[in-house]
Protein backbone atom coordinates (compact mmCIF):
# COMPACT_ATOMS: atom_id res chain seq x y z
CA UNK A 1 -0.67 -15.66 7.32
CA UNK A 2 -3.33 -13.79 9.29
CA UNK A 3 -0.71 -12.33 11.62
CA UNK A 4 1.36 -11.18 8.64
CA UNK A 5 -1.65 -9.49 7.09
CA UNK A 6 -2.52 -7.78 10.37
CA UNK A 7 1.04 -6.51 10.81
CA UNK A 8 1.06 -5.15 7.26
CA UNK A 9 -2.21 -3.34 7.85
CA UNK A 10 -0.93 -1.89 11.12
CA UNK A 11 2.12 -0.57 9.26
CA UNK A 12 -0.19 1.90 7.51
CA UNK A 13 -0.74 3.89 10.72
CA UNK A 14 2.76 5.40 11.01
CA UNK A 15 2.85 6.04 7.26
CA UNK A 16 -0.37 8.07 7.42
CA UNK A 17 0.93 10.04 10.40
CA UNK A 18 4.22 10.73 8.63
CA UNK A 19 2.37 11.95 5.54
CA UNK A 20 0.31 14.34 7.67
CA UNK A 21 3.48 15.75 9.23
CA UNK A 22 5.12 16.15 5.82
CA UNK A 23 2.04 17.95 4.46
CA UNK A 24 2.02 20.26 7.52
CA UNK A 25 5.72 21.07 7.13
CA UNK A 26 5.47 21.77 3.40
CA UNK A 27 2.30 23.86 3.63
CA UNK A 28 4.13 27.20 4.21
CA UNK A 29 6.24 26.57 1.11
CA UNK A 30 3.20 26.48 -1.14
CA UNK A 31 3.18 22.75 -1.67
CA UNK A 32 -0.17 21.41 -2.75
CA UNK A 33 -1.74 18.57 -0.81
CA UNK A 34 -2.02 15.31 -2.68
CA UNK A 35 -5.74 15.01 -2.07
CA UNK A 36 -6.96 14.12 -5.54
CA UNK A 37 -6.86 10.86 -7.45
CA UNK A 38 -5.06 11.33 -10.76
CA UNK A 39 -4.39 9.01 -13.66
CA UNK A 40 -0.90 8.34 -12.28
CA UNK A 41 -2.39 7.37 -8.90
CA UNK A 42 -4.75 4.91 -10.57
CA UNK A 43 -1.92 3.46 -12.66
CA UNK A 44 0.26 2.77 -9.62
CA UNK A 45 -2.70 1.42 -7.65
CA UNK A 46 -3.36 -1.06 -10.45
CA UNK A 47 0.31 -2.09 -10.51
CA UNK A 48 0.17 -2.67 -6.76
CA UNK A 49 -3.06 -4.66 -6.92
CA UNK A 50 -1.69 -6.82 -9.74
CA UNK A 51 1.53 -7.41 -7.81
CA UNK A 52 -0.32 -8.45 -4.66
CA UNK A 53 -2.62 -10.62 -6.75
CA UNK A 54 0.36 -12.45 -8.24
CA UNK A 55 1.85 -12.93 -4.78
CA UNK A 56 -1.43 -14.34 -3.47
CA UNK A 57 -1.81 -16.63 -6.48
CA UNK A 58 1.72 -17.96 -6.08
CA UNK A 59 1.11 -18.58 -2.37
CA UNK A 60 -2.03 -20.59 -3.04
CA UNK A 61 -0.37 -22.43 -5.93
CA UNK A 62 2.57 -23.50 -3.74
CA UNK A 63 0.13 -24.38 -0.97
CA UNK A 64 -1.86 -26.64 -3.33
CA UNK A 65 1.30 -28.38 -4.59
CA UNK A 66 2.95 -29.08 -1.25
CA UNK A 67 -0.17 -29.18 0.90
CA UNK A 68 1.43 -27.49 3.90
């Protein structure tokens, strides 16, 4: 499980780099940077946190039932 968590965290690195490239490419076209937290951002963050919480709870529930 620790290796899986580490790999998921490392997956953030290329995503951040890709977002920087996209922002750089779109800058001449007048696109605004997404550098502020909005209500929509908070909503989707909460959905993500709840989803991961349910996944974690199900993992620990299965672990407690089967003991493996």
